[in-house]
Amino acid sequence: MQKHLKVSVDGQTFDVVVECSETTHVASSPSPVAPSAPVVVASTPAYTLKSPLAGKVVSIDVAIGQSIAKGQKVLTLEAMKMNTVISATENGTVRSILVIAGQAIEEGQPLMAL
C-alpha cells in the first residue's frame, strides 16, 4: 500500500510517496513541489533589473519570454502614495520575474532578469 504525503523541511515542501507494510515504512526519494511564484526560467541572467526605490509592486506589465526594448514599461511601483513606472534599462528578453503584484520591495531589490 502507498501513501502520498506533503512534507515541509526548512521551508521547502516535498511530495513524498511512502510504501507501507505491516511492520515498516519505506519512503521514496522526495520530489520538490514547484513554487507558485516567482518562476525562474534561466539560471544565469544576462542583466538584472533592480528597483530604484522601496515600495509595493502595483502591476507587472511584461511576461516571461517577452522581448522588451530599452525604455519600455515593465512594471509599476507604488511609493509614498505615488505610482512610479519602472522601464527597461536594456533591450532583451524577460528570462524571469522575481516579484509578484502586491509584494513589498526594497531599494536595489532585483525585479526581473533579462
PDB file of N, CA and C in Angstrom:
ATOM      1  N   MET A   1       0.842  -1.168   0.000  1.00  0.00           N
ATOM      2  CA  MET A   1       0.000   0.000   0.000  1.00  0.00           C
ATOM      3  C   MET A   1       0.895   1.241   0.000  1.00  0.00           C
ATOM      4  N   GLN A   2       0.490   2.293  -0.733  1.00  0.00           N
ATOM      5  CA  GLN A   2       1.259   3.533  -0.797  1.00  0.00           C
ATOM      6  C   GLN A   2       0.443   4.681  -0.226  1.00  0.00           C
ATOM      7  N   LYS A   3       1.146   5.589   0.455  1.00  0.00           N
ATOM      8  CA  LYS A   3       0.528   6.813   0.953  1.00  0.00           C
ATOM      9  C   LYS A   3       1.265   7.985   0.331  1.00  0.00           C
ATOM     10  N   HIS A   4       0.517   9.000  -0.096  1.00  0.00           N
ATOM     11  CA  HIS A   4       1.097  10.219  -0.657  1.00  0.00           C
ATOM     12  C   HIS A   4       1.008  11.304   0.414  1.00  0.00           C
ATOM     13  N   LEU A   5       2.152  11.885   0.758  1.00  0.00           N
ATOM     14  CA  LEU A   5       2.212  12.891   1.813  1.00  0.00           C
ATOM     15  C   LEU A   5       2.922  14.134   1.310  1.00  0.00           C
ATOM     16  N   LYS A   6       2.616  15.294   1.911  1.00  0.00           N
ATOM     17  CA  LYS A   6       3.369  16.526   1.689  1.00  0.00           C
ATOM     18  C   LYS A   6       4.148  16.788   2.961  1.00  0.00           C
ATOM     19  N   VAL A   7       5.455  17.006   2.817  1.00  0.00           N
ATOM     20  CA  VAL A   7       6.334  17.202   3.958  1.00  0.00           C
ATOM     21  C   VAL A   7       7.065  18.521   3.772  1.00  0.00           C
ATOM     22  N   SER A   8       7.138  19.348   4.828  1.00  0.00           N
ATOM     23  CA  SER A   8       7.884  20.602   4.789  1.00  0.00           C
ATOM     24  C   SER A   8       9.161  20.450   5.595  1.00  0.00           C
ATOM     25  N   VAL A   9      10.296  20.831   4.961  1.00  0.00           N
ATOM     26  CA  VAL A   9      11.592  20.786   5.614  1.00  0.00           C
ATOM     27  C   VAL A   9      12.303  22.093   5.312  1.00  0.00           C
ATOM     28  N   ASP A  10      12.647  22.842   6.355  1.00  0.00           N
ATOM     29  CA  ASP A  10      13.344  24.119   6.193  1.00  0.00           C
ATOM     30  C   ASP A  10      12.645  25.022   5.192  1.00  0.00           C
ATOM     31  N   GLY A  11      11.328  25.079   5.226  1.00  0.00           N
ATOM     32  CA  GLY A  11      10.579  25.974   4.359  1.00  0.00           C
ATOM     33  C   GLY A  11      10.304  25.444   2.969  1.00  0.00           C
ATOM     34  N   GLN A  12      10.825  24.289   2.597  1.00  0.00           N
ATOM     35  CA  GLN A  12      10.560  23.699   1.288  1.00  0.00           C
ATOM     36  C   GLN A  12       9.551  22.582   1.454  1.00  0.00           C
ATOM     37  N   THR A  13       8.610  22.490   0.500  1.00  0.00           N
ATOM     38  CA  THR A  13       7.583  21.460   0.541  1.00  0.00           C
ATOM     39  C   THR A  13       7.922  20.375  -0.460  1.00  0.00           C
ATOM     40  N   PHE A  14       7.793  19.104  -0.033  1.00  0.00           N
ATOM     41  CA  PHE A  14       8.085  17.960  -0.884  1.00  0.00           C
ATOM     42  C   PHE A  14       6.882  17.033  -0.925  1.00  0.00           C
ATOM     43  N   ASP A  15       6.624  16.447  -2.097  1.00  0.00           N
ATOM     44  CA  ASP A  15       5.652  15.368  -2.221  1.00  0.00           C
ATOM     45  C   ASP A  15       6.412  14.076  -1.964  1.00  0.00           C
ATOM     46  N   VAL A  16       5.927  13.252  -1.047  1.00  0.00           N
ATOM     47  CA  VAL A  16       6.608  12.020  -0.672  1.00  0.00           C
ATOM     48  C   VAL A  16       5.636  10.856  -0.814  1.00  0.00           C
ATOM     49  N   VAL A  17       6.121   9.765  -1.401  1.00  0.00           N
ATOM     50  CA  VAL A  17       5.342   8.534  -1.502  1.00  0.00           C
ATOM     51  C   VAL A  17       5.919   7.554  -0.490  1.00  0.00           C
ATOM     52  N   VAL A  18       5.073   7.049   0.398  1.00  0.00           N
ATOM     53  CA  VAL A  18       5.503   6.126   1.442  1.00  0.00           C
ATOM     54  C   VAL A  18       4.875   4.767   1.165  1.00  0.00           C
ATOM     55  N   GLU A  19       5.724   3.742   1.092  1.00  0.00           N
ATOM     56  CA  GLU A  19       5.232   2.378   0.921  1.00  0.00           C
ATOM     57  C   GLU A  19       5.066   1.771   2.307  1.00  0.00           C
ATOM     58  N   CYS A  20       3.885   1.298   2.584  1.00  0.00           N
ATOM     59  CA  CYS A  20       3.575   0.761   3.912  1.00  0.00           C
ATOM     60  C   CYS A  20       3.497  -0.762   3.857  1.00  0.00           C
ATOM     61  N   SER A  21       4.150  -1.380   4.819  1.00  0.00           N
ATOM     62  CA  SER A  21       3.991  -2.816   5.012  1.00  0.00           C
ATOM     63  C   SER A  21       3.468  -3.001   6.432  1.00  0.00           C
ATOM     64  N   GLU A  22       3.358  -4.216   6.864  1.00  0.00           N
ATOM     65  CA  GLU A  22       2.822  -4.450   8.201  1.00  0.00           C
ATOM     66  C   GLU A  22       3.749  -3.936   9.294  1.00  0.00           C
ATOM     67  N   THR A  23       5.067  -3.931   9.057  1.00  0.00           N
ATOM     68  CA  THR A  23       5.988  -3.566  10.130  1.00  0.00           C
ATOM     69  C   THR A  23       6.839  -2.339   9.843  1.00  0.00           C
ATOM     70  N   THR A  24       7.063  -1.995   8.572  1.00  0.00           N
ATOM     71  CA  THR A  24       7.959  -0.880   8.279  1.00  0.00           C
ATOM     72  C   THR A  24       7.335   0.073   7.278  1.00  0.00           C
ATOM     73  N   HIS A  25       7.887   1.291   7.269  1.00  0.00           N
ATOM     74  CA  HIS A  25       7.514   2.310   6.295  1.00  0.00           C
ATOM     75  C   HIS A  25       8.788   2.723   5.569  1.00  0.00           C
ATOM     76  N   VAL A  26       8.790   2.635   4.251  1.00  0.00           N
ATOM     77  CA  VAL A  26       9.945   2.994   3.444  1.00  0.00           C
ATOM     78  C   VAL A  26       9.532   4.131   2.529  1.00  0.00           C
ATOM     79  N   ALA A  27      10.236   5.257   2.595  1.00  0.00           N
ATOM     80  CA  ALA A  27       9.895   6.423   1.780  1.00  0.00           C
ATOM     81  C   ALA A  27      10.763   6.452   0.537  1.00  0.00           C
ATOM     82  N   SER A  28      10.162   6.823  -0.586  1.00  0.00           N
ATOM     83  CA  SER A  28      10.930   7.017  -1.814  1.00  0.00           C
ATOM     84  C   SER A  28      11.571   8.392  -1.767  1.00  0.00           C
ATOM     85  N   SER A  29      12.445   8.687  -2.717  1.00  0.00           N
ATOM     86  CA  SER A  29      13.105   9.985  -2.759  1.00  0.00           C
ATOM     87  C   SER A  29      12.073  11.086  -2.933  1.00  0.00           C
ATOM     88  N   PRO A  30      12.185  12.170  -2.154  1.00  0.00           N
ATOM     89  CA  PRO A  30      11.218  13.255  -2.279  1.00  0.00           C
ATOM     90  C   PRO A  30      11.441  14.033  -3.567  1.00  0.00           C
ATOM     91  N   SER A  31      10.351  14.531  -4.135  1.00  0.00           N
ATOM     92  CA  SER A  31      10.447  15.410  -5.296  1.00  0.00           C
ATOM     93  C   SER A  31       9.923  16.772  -4.878  1.00  0.00           C
ATOM     94  N   PRO A  32      10.707  17.833  -5.090  1.00  0.00           N
ATOM     95  CA  PRO A  32      10.288  19.162  -4.656  1.00  0.00           C
ATOM     96  C   PRO A  32       8.992  19.592  -5.343  1.00  0.00           C
ATOM     97  N   VAL A  33       8.164  20.306  -4.600  1.00  0.00           N
ATOM     98  CA  VAL A  33       6.943  20.881  -5.147  1.00  0.00           C
ATOM     99  C   VAL A  33       7.320  22.215  -5.766  1.00  0.00           C
ATOM    100  N   ALA A  34       6.844  22.468  -6.963  1.00  0.00           N
ATOM    101  CA  ALA A  34       7.169  23.710  -7.662  1.00  0.00           C
ATOM    102  C   ALA A  34       6.600  24.909  -6.907  1.00  0.00           C
ATOM    103  N   PRO A  35       7.385  25.985  -6.751  1.00  0.00           N
ATOM    104  CA  PRO A  35       6.873  27.181  -6.094  1.00  0.00           C
ATOM    105  C   PRO A  35       5.850  27.877  -6.977  1.00  0.00           C
ATOM    106  N   SER A  36       4.939  28.610  -6.342  1.00  0.00           N
ATOM    107  CA  SER A  36       3.901  29.279  -7.114  1.00  0.00           C
ATOM    108  C   SER A  36       4.434  30.532  -7.791  1.00  0.00           C
ATOM    109  N   ALA A  37       5.359  31.249  -7.159  1.00  0.00           N
ATOM    110  CA  ALA A  37       5.928  32.434  -7.764  1.00  0.00           C
ATOM    111  C   ALA A  37       7.066  32.892  -6.891  1.00  0.00           C
ATOM    112  N   PRO A  38       8.004  33.545  -7.393  1.00  0.00           N
ATOM    113  CA  PRO A  38       8.300  33.807  -8.781  1.00  0.00           C
ATOM    114  C   PRO A  38       8.882  32.590  -9.471  1.00  0.00           C
ATOM    115  N   VAL A  39       8.825  32.559 -10.781  1.00  0.00           N
ATOM    116  CA  VAL A  39       9.319  31.436 -11.559  1.00  0.00           C
ATOM    117  C   VAL A  39      10.609  31.859 -12.245  1.00  0.00           C
ATOM    118  N   VAL A  40      11.659  31.086 -12.086  1.00  0.00           N
ATOM    119  CA  VAL A  40      12.936  31.376 -12.716  1.00  0.00           C
ATOM    120  C   VAL A  40      13.072  30.482 -13.935  1.00  0.00           C
ATOM    121  N   VAL A  41      13.301  31.104 -15.107  1.00  0.00           N
ATOM    122  CA  VAL A  41      13.389  30.353 -16.347  1.00  0.00           C
ATOM    123  C   VAL A  41      14.831  29.991 -16.668  1.00  0.00           C
ATOM    124  N   ALA A  42      15.757  30.894 -16.436  1.00  0.00           N
ATOM    125  CA  ALA A  42      17.153  30.646 -16.782  1.00  0.00           C
ATOM    126  C   ALA A  42      18.013  30.783 -15.532  1.00  0.00           C
ATOM    127  N   SER A  43      19.131  30.081 -15.508  1.00  0.00           N
ATOM    128  CA  SER A  43      19.953  30.093 -14.311  1.00  0.00           C
ATOM    129  C   SER A  43      20.893  31.296 -14.241  1.00  0.00           C
ATOM    130  N   THR A  44      21.359  31.801 -15.367  1.00  0.00           N
ATOM    131  CA  THR A  44      22.291  32.914 -15.353  1.00  0.00           C
ATOM    132  C   THR A  44      21.758  34.067 -16.196  1.00  0.00           C
ATOM    133  N   PRO A  45      21.181  35.075 -15.563  1.00  0.00           N
ATOM    134  CA  PRO A  45      20.645  36.188 -16.329  1.00  0.00           C
ATOM    135  C   PRO A  45      21.765  37.038 -16.920  1.00  0.00           C
ATOM    136  N   ALA A  46      21.506  37.602 -18.099  1.00  0.00           N
ATOM    137  CA  ALA A  46      22.472  38.495 -18.725  1.00  0.00           C
ATOM    138  C   ALA A  46      22.430  39.857 -18.045  1.00  0.00           C
ATOM    139  N   TYR A  47      21.259  40.242 -17.543  1.00  0.00           N
ATOM    140  CA  TYR A  47      21.087  41.540 -16.905  1.00  0.00           C
ATOM    141  C   TYR A  47      19.957  41.440 -15.892  1.00  0.00           C
ATOM    142  N   THR A  48      20.123  42.024 -14.718  1.00  0.00           N
ATOM    143  CA  THR A  48      19.080  42.032 -13.701  1.00  0.00           C
ATOM    144  C   THR A  48      18.601  43.458 -13.497  1.00  0.00           C
ATOM    145  N   LEU A  49      17.302  43.685 -13.672  1.00  0.00           N
ATOM    146  CA  LEU A  49      16.687  44.990 -13.437  1.00  0.00           C
ATOM    147  C   LEU A  49      16.383  45.091 -11.953  1.00  0.00           C
ATOM    148  N   LYS A  50      16.898  46.141 -11.297  1.00  0.00           N
ATOM    149  CA  LYS A  50      16.711  46.311  -9.857  1.00  0.00           C
ATOM    150  C   LYS A  50      15.826  47.514  -9.578  1.00  0.00           C
ATOM    151  N   SER A  51      15.143  47.475  -8.446  1.00  0.00           N
ATOM    152  CA  SER A  51      14.243  48.555  -8.059  1.00  0.00           C
ATOM    153  C   SER A  51      15.038  49.795  -7.667  1.00  0.00           C
ATOM    154  N   PRO A  52      14.661  50.958  -8.203  1.00  0.00           N
ATOM    155  CA  PRO A  52      15.352  52.187  -7.834  1.00  0.00           C
ATOM    156  C   PRO A  52      14.887  52.742  -6.485  1.00  0.00           C
ATOM    157  N   LEU A  53      13.789  52.188  -5.938  1.00  0.00           N
ATOM    158  CA  LEU A  53      13.254  52.681  -4.678  1.00  0.00           C
ATOM    159  C   LEU A  53      12.452  51.598  -3.972  1.00  0.00           C
ATOM    160  N   ALA A  54      12.211  51.803  -2.685  1.00  0.00           N
ATOM    161  CA  ALA A  54      11.377  50.875  -1.918  1.00  0.00           C
ATOM    162  C   ALA A  54       9.915  51.193  -2.197  1.00  0.00           C
ATOM    163  N   GLY A  55       9.068  50.193  -2.156  1.00  0.00           N
ATOM    164  CA  GLY A  55       7.644  50.404  -2.391  1.00  0.00           C
ATOM    165  C   GLY A  55       6.912  49.094  -2.504  1.00  0.00           C
ATOM    166  N   LYS A  56       5.769  49.139  -3.191  1.00  0.00           N
ATOM    167  CA  LYS A  56       4.945  47.947  -3.391  1.00  0.00           C
ATOM    168  C   LYS A  56       4.693  47.788  -4.882  1.00  0.00           C
ATOM    169  N   VAL A  57       4.804  46.557  -5.383  1.00  0.00           N
ATOM    170  CA  VAL A  57       4.557  46.274  -6.798  1.00  0.00           C
ATOM    171  C   VAL A  57       3.055  46.393  -7.051  1.00  0.00           C
ATOM    172  N   VAL A  58       2.677  47.309  -7.948  1.00  0.00           N
ATOM    173  CA  VAL A  58       1.266  47.505  -8.300  1.00  0.00           C
ATOM    174  C   VAL A  58       0.891  46.599  -9.461  1.00  0.00           C
ATOM    175  N   SER A  59       1.734  46.579 -10.506  1.00  0.00           N
ATOM    176  CA  SER A  59       1.441  45.740 -11.670  1.00  0.00           C
ATOM    177  C   SER A  59       2.729  45.317 -12.346  1.00  0.00           C
ATOM    178  N   ILE A  60       2.661  44.164 -12.993  1.00  0.00           N
ATOM    179  CA  ILE A  60       3.763  43.667 -13.817  1.00  0.00           C
ATOM    180  C   ILE A  60       3.233  43.665 -15.239  1.00  0.00           C
ATOM    181  N   ASP A  61       3.901  44.399 -16.122  1.00  0.00           N
ATOM    182  CA  ASP A  61       3.370  44.659 -17.453  1.00  0.00           C
ATOM    183  C   ASP A  61       4.060  43.886 -18.565  1.00  0.00           C
ATOM    184  N   VAL A  62       4.866  42.905 -18.213  1.00  0.00           N
ATOM    185  CA  VAL A  62       5.525  42.043 -19.194  1.00  0.00           C
ATOM    186  C   VAL A  62       5.379  40.598 -18.732  1.00  0.00           C
ATOM    187  N   ALA A  63       5.729  39.663 -19.608  1.00  0.00           N
ATOM    188  CA  ALA A  63       5.638  38.238 -19.285  1.00  0.00           C
ATOM    189  C   ALA A  63       6.973  37.562 -19.572  1.00  0.00           C
ATOM    190  N   ILE A  64       7.208  36.444 -18.928  1.00  0.00           N
ATOM    191  CA  ILE A  64       8.417  35.663 -19.180  1.00  0.00           C
ATOM    192  C   ILE A  64       8.438  35.258 -20.648  1.00  0.00           C
ATOM    193  N   GLY A  65       9.599  35.454 -21.292  1.00  0.00           N
ATOM    194  CA  GLY A  65       9.749  35.121 -22.706  1.00  0.00           C
ATOM    195  C   GLY A  65       9.471  36.286 -23.639  1.00  0.00           C
ATOM    196  N   GLN A  66       8.934  37.374 -23.109  1.00  0.00           N
ATOM    197  CA  GLN A  66       8.596  38.540 -23.932  1.00  0.00           C
ATOM    198  C   GLN A  66       9.845  39.357 -24.238  1.00  0.00           C
ATOM    199  N   SER A  67       9.980  39.796 -25.496  1.00  0.00           N
ATOM    200  CA  SER A  67      11.072  40.693 -25.876  1.00  0.00           C
ATOM    201  C   SER A  67      10.684  42.106 -25.480  1.00  0.00           C
ATOM    202  N   ILE A  68      11.636  42.824 -24.884  1.00  0.00           N
ATOM    203  CA  ILE A  68      11.367  44.197 -24.480  1.00  0.00           C
ATOM    204  C   ILE A  68      12.476  45.105 -24.980  1.00  0.00           C
ATOM    205  N   ALA A  69      12.127  46.389 -25.138  1.00  0.00           N
ATOM    206  CA  ALA A  69      13.074  47.385 -25.625  1.00  0.00           C
ATOM    207  C   ALA A  69      13.451  48.337 -24.493  1.00  0.00           C
ATOM    208  N   LYS A  70      14.649  48.890 -24.571  1.00  0.00           N
ATOM    209  CA  LYS A  70      15.099  49.873 -23.594  1.00  0.00           C
ATOM    210  C   LYS A  70      14.064  50.994 -23.526  1.00  0.00           C
ATOM    211  N   GLY A  71      13.651  51.350 -22.322  1.00  0.00           N
ATOM    212  CA  GLY A  71      12.662  52.401 -22.131  1.00  0.00           C
ATOM    213  C   GLY A  71      11.224  51.906 -22.044  1.00  0.00           C
ATOM    214  N   GLN A  72      10.987  50.636 -22.363  1.00  0.00           N
ATOM    215  CA  GLN A  72       9.631  50.068 -22.316  1.00  0.00           C
ATOM    216  C   GLN A  72       9.194  49.869 -20.865  1.00  0.00           C
ATOM    217  N   LYS A  73       7.938  50.194 -20.564  1.00  0.00           N
ATOM    218  CA  LYS A  73       7.372  49.994 -19.226  1.00  0.00           C
ATOM    219  C   LYS A  73       7.334  48.500 -18.921  1.00  0.00           C
ATOM    220  N   VAL A  74       7.905  48.113 -17.765  1.00  0.00           N
ATOM    221  CA  VAL A  74       7.885  46.705 -17.381  1.00  0.00           C
ATOM    222  C   VAL A  74       7.052  46.457 -16.125  1.00  0.00           C
ATOM    223  N   LEU A  75       7.012  47.440 -15.222  1.00  0.00           N
ATOM    224  CA  LEU A  75       6.146  47.305 -14.054  1.00  0.00           C
ATOM    225  C   LEU A  75       5.901  48.660 -13.413  1.00  0.00           C
ATOM    226  N   THR A  76       4.943  48.684 -12.490  1.00  0.00           N
ATOM    227  CA  THR A  76       4.601  49.902 -11.765  1.00  0.00           C
ATOM    228  C   THR A  76       4.757  49.643 -10.275  1.00  0.00           C
ATOM    229  N   LEU A  77       5.428  50.592  -9.603  1.00  0.00           N
ATOM    230  CA  LEU A  77       5.601  50.539  -8.155  1.00  0.00           C
ATOM    231  C   LEU A  77       4.813  51.666  -7.512  1.00  0.00           C
ATOM    232  N   GLU A  78       4.334  51.435  -6.299  1.00  0.00           N
ATOM    233  CA  GLU A  78       3.718  52.490  -5.503  1.00  0.00           C
ATOM    234  C   GLU A  78       4.660  52.789  -4.350  1.00  0.00           C
ATOM    235  N   ALA A  79       5.011  54.075  -4.224  1.00  0.00           N
ATOM    236  CA  ALA A  79       5.863  54.512  -3.123  1.00  0.00           C
ATOM    237  C   ALA A  79       5.381  55.885  -2.683  1.00  0.00           C
ATOM    238  N   MET A  80       5.163  56.056  -1.404  1.00  0.00           N
ATOM    239  CA  MET A  80       4.693  57.323  -0.851  1.00  0.00           C
ATOM    240  C   MET A  80       3.403  57.787  -1.532  1.00  0.00           C
ATOM    241  N   LYS A  81       2.501  56.850  -1.760  1.00  0.00           N
ATOM    242  CA  LYS A  81       1.177  57.081  -2.351  1.00  0.00           C
ATOM    243  C   LYS A  81       1.238  57.600  -3.785  1.00  0.00           C
ATOM    244  N   MET A  82       2.359  57.369  -4.461  1.00  0.00           N
ATOM    245  CA  MET A  82       2.502  57.753  -5.868  1.00  0.00           C
ATOM    246  C   MET A  82       2.934  56.532  -6.664  1.00  0.00           C
ATOM    247  N   ASN A  83       2.369  56.378  -7.863  1.00  0.00           N
ATOM    248  CA  ASN A  83       2.782  55.291  -8.748  1.00  0.00           C
ATOM    249  C   ASN A  83       3.995  55.725  -9.554  1.00  0.00           C
ATOM    250  N   THR A  84       4.962  54.836  -9.658  1.00  0.00           N
ATOM    251  CA  THR A  84       6.176  55.088 -10.422  1.00  0.00           C
ATOM    252  C   THR A  84       6.332  53.987 -11.457  1.00  0.00           C
ATOM    253  N   VAL A  85       6.442  54.390 -12.728  1.00  0.00           N
ATOM    254  CA  VAL A  85       6.640  53.431 -13.811  1.00  0.00           C
ATOM    255  C   VAL A  85       8.114  53.051 -13.847  1.00  0.00           C
ATOM    256  N   ILE A  86       8.379  51.753 -13.870  1.00  0.00           N
ATOM    257  CA  ILE A  86       9.741  51.242 -13.998  1.00  0.00           C
ATOM    258  C   ILE A  86       9.901  50.753 -15.432  1.00  0.00           C
ATOM    259  N   SER A  87      10.903  51.293 -16.112  1.00  0.00           N
ATOM    260  CA  SER A  87      11.143  50.962 -17.518  1.00  0.00           C
ATOM    261  C   SER A  87      12.405  50.121 -17.659  1.00  0.00           C
ATOM    262  N   ALA A  88      12.451  49.359 -18.732  1.00  0.00           N
ATOM    263  CA  ALA A  88      13.632  48.542 -19.024  1.00  0.00           C
ATOM    264  C   ALA A  88      14.818  49.455 -19.295  1.00  0.00           C
ATOM    265  N   THR A  89      15.950  49.123 -18.733  1.00  0.00           N
ATOM    266  CA  THR A  89      17.163  49.910 -18.955  1.00  0.00           C
ATOM    267  C   THR A  89      18.042  49.292 -20.035  1.00  0.00           C
ATOM    268  N   GLU A  90      17.626  48.130 -20.537  1.00  0.00           N
ATOM    269  CA  GLU A  90      18.347  47.422 -21.597  1.00  0.00           C
ATOM    270  C   GLU A  90      17.342  46.736 -22.513  1.00  0.00           C
ATOM    271  N   ASN A  91      17.737  46.483 -23.762  1.00  0.00           N
ATOM    272  CA  ASN A  91      16.950  45.619 -24.642  1.00  0.00           C
ATOM    273  C   ASN A  91      17.162  44.183 -24.181  1.00  0.00           C
ATOM    274  N   GLY A  92      16.168  43.340 -24.384  1.00  0.00           N
ATOM    275  CA  GLY A  92      16.359  41.939 -24.025  1.00  0.00           C
ATOM    276  C   GLY A  92      15.069  41.156 -24.016  1.00  0.00           C
ATOM    277  N   THR A  93      15.155  39.956 -23.499  1.00  0.00           N
ATOM    278  CA  THR A  93      14.014  39.062 -23.341  1.00  0.00           C
ATOM    279  C   THR A  93      13.863  38.784 -21.858  1.00  0.00           C
ATOM    280  N   VAL A  94      12.645  38.850 -21.353  1.00  0.00           N
ATOM    281  CA  VAL A  94      12.394  38.602 -19.935  1.00  0.00           C
ATOM    282  C   VAL A  94      12.654  37.124 -19.657  1.00  0.00           C
ATOM    283  N   ARG A  95      13.674  36.843 -18.846  1.00  0.00           N
ATOM    284  CA  ARG A  95      14.037  35.461 -18.524  1.00  0.00           C
ATOM    285  C   ARG A  95      13.377  34.993 -17.234  1.00  0.00           C
ATOM    286  N   SER A  96      13.187  35.912 -16.297  1.00  0.00           N
ATOM    287  CA  SER A  96      12.482  35.570 -15.060  1.00  0.00           C
ATOM    288  C   SER A  96      11.930  36.834 -14.426  1.00  0.00           C
ATOM    289  N   ILE A  97      10.817  36.677 -13.721  1.00  0.00           N
ATOM    290  CA  ILE A  97      10.206  37.762 -12.966  1.00  0.00           C
ATOM    291  C   ILE A  97      10.329  37.367 -11.505  1.00  0.00           C
ATOM    292  N   LEU A  98      10.986  38.220 -10.719  1.00  0.00           N
ATOM    293  CA  LEU A  98      11.373  37.865  -9.365  1.00  0.00           C
ATOM    294  C   LEU A  98      10.461  38.434  -8.287  1.00  0.00           C
ATOM    295  N   VAL A  99       9.414  39.139  -8.681  1.00  0.00           N
ATOM    296  CA  VAL A  99       8.460  39.721  -7.736  1.00  0.00           C
ATOM    297  C   VAL A  99       7.047  39.419  -8.209  1.00  0.00           C
ATOM    298  N   ILE A 100       6.070  39.650  -7.328  1.00  0.00           N
ATOM    299  CA  ILE A 100       4.668  39.481  -7.695  1.00  0.00           C
ATOM    300  C   ILE A 100       3.907  40.746  -7.325  1.00  0.00           C
ATOM    301  N   ALA A 101       2.775  40.977  -7.982  1.00  0.00           N
ATOM    302  CA  ALA A 101       1.935  42.134  -7.682  1.00  0.00           C
ATOM    303  C   ALA A 101       1.520  42.083  -6.217  1.00  0.00           C
ATOM    304  N   GLY A 102       1.605  43.239  -5.553  1.00  0.00           N
ATOM    305  CA  GLY A 102       1.248  43.325  -4.145  1.00  0.00           C
ATOM    306  C   GLY A 102       2.418  43.133  -3.197  1.00  0.00           C
ATOM    307  N   GLN A 103       3.554  42.715  -3.723  1.00  0.00           N
ATOM    308  CA  GLN A 103       4.732  42.441  -2.894  1.00  0.00           C
ATOM    309  C   GLN A 103       5.432  43.734  -2.501  1.00  0.00           C
ATOM    310  N   ALA A 104       5.818  43.860  -1.236  1.00  0.00           N
ATOM    311  CA  ALA A 104       6.632  44.982  -0.773  1.00  0.00           C
ATOM    312  C   ALA A 104       8.081  44.692  -1.142  1.00  0.00           C
ATOM    313  N   ILE A 105       8.773  45.698  -1.670  1.00  0.00           N
ATOM    314  CA  ILE A 105      10.163  45.504  -2.090  1.00  0.00           C
ATOM    315  C   ILE A 105      11.044  46.613  -1.534  1.00  0.00           C
ATOM    316  N   GLU A 106      12.333  46.350  -1.514  1.00  0.00           N
ATOM    317  CA  GLU A 106      13.329  47.294  -1.020  1.00  0.00           C
ATOM    318  C   GLU A 106      14.087  47.926  -2.186  1.00  0.00           C
ATOM    319  N   GLU A 107      14.681  49.072  -1.943  1.00  0.00           N
ATOM    320  CA  GLU A 107      15.529  49.712  -2.946  1.00  0.00           C
ATOM    321  C   GLU A 107      16.675  48.767  -3.288  1.00  0.00           C
ATOM    322  N   GLY A 108      16.937  48.596  -4.581  1.00  0.00           N
ATOM    323  CA  GLY A 108      18.021  47.734  -5.038  1.00  0.00           C
ATOM    324  C   GLY A 108      17.648  46.270  -5.181  1.00  0.00           C
ATOM    325  N   GLN A 109      16.416  45.907  -4.798  1.00  0.00           N
ATOM    326  CA  GLN A 109      15.982  44.506  -4.901  1.00  0.00           C
ATOM    327  C   GLN A 109      15.809  44.124  -6.366  1.00  0.00           C
ATOM    328  N   PRO A 110      16.304  42.955  -6.786  1.00  0.00           N
ATOM    329  CA  PRO A 110      16.105  42.503  -8.166  1.00  0.00           C
ATOM    330  C   PRO A 110      14.617  42.314  -8.473  1.00  0.00           C
ATOM    331  N   LEU A 111      14.196  42.827  -9.631  1.00  0.00           N
ATOM    332  CA  LEU A 111      12.802  42.729 -10.059  1.00  0.00           C
ATOM    333  C   LEU A 111      12.619  41.669 -11.131  1.00  0.00           C
ATOM    334  N   MET A 112      13.529  41.664 -12.107  1.00  0.00           N
ATOM    335  CA  MET A 112      13.455  40.673 -13.185  1.00  0.00           C
ATOM    336  C   MET A 112      14.813  40.532 -13.839  1.00  0.00           C
ATOM    337  N   ALA A 113      14.993  39.402 -14.497  1.00  0.00           N
ATOM    338  CA  ALA A 113      16.237  39.121 -15.208  1.00  0.00           C
ATOM    339  C   ALA A 113      15.948  39.113 -16.696  1.00  0.00           C
ATOM    340  N   LEU A 114      16.841  39.757 -17.456  1.00  0.00           N
ATOM    341  CA  LEU A 114      16.708  39.823 -18.917  1.00  0.00           C
ATOM    342  C   LEU A 114      17.809  38.992 -19.546  1.00  0.00           C
TER     343      LEU A 114
END
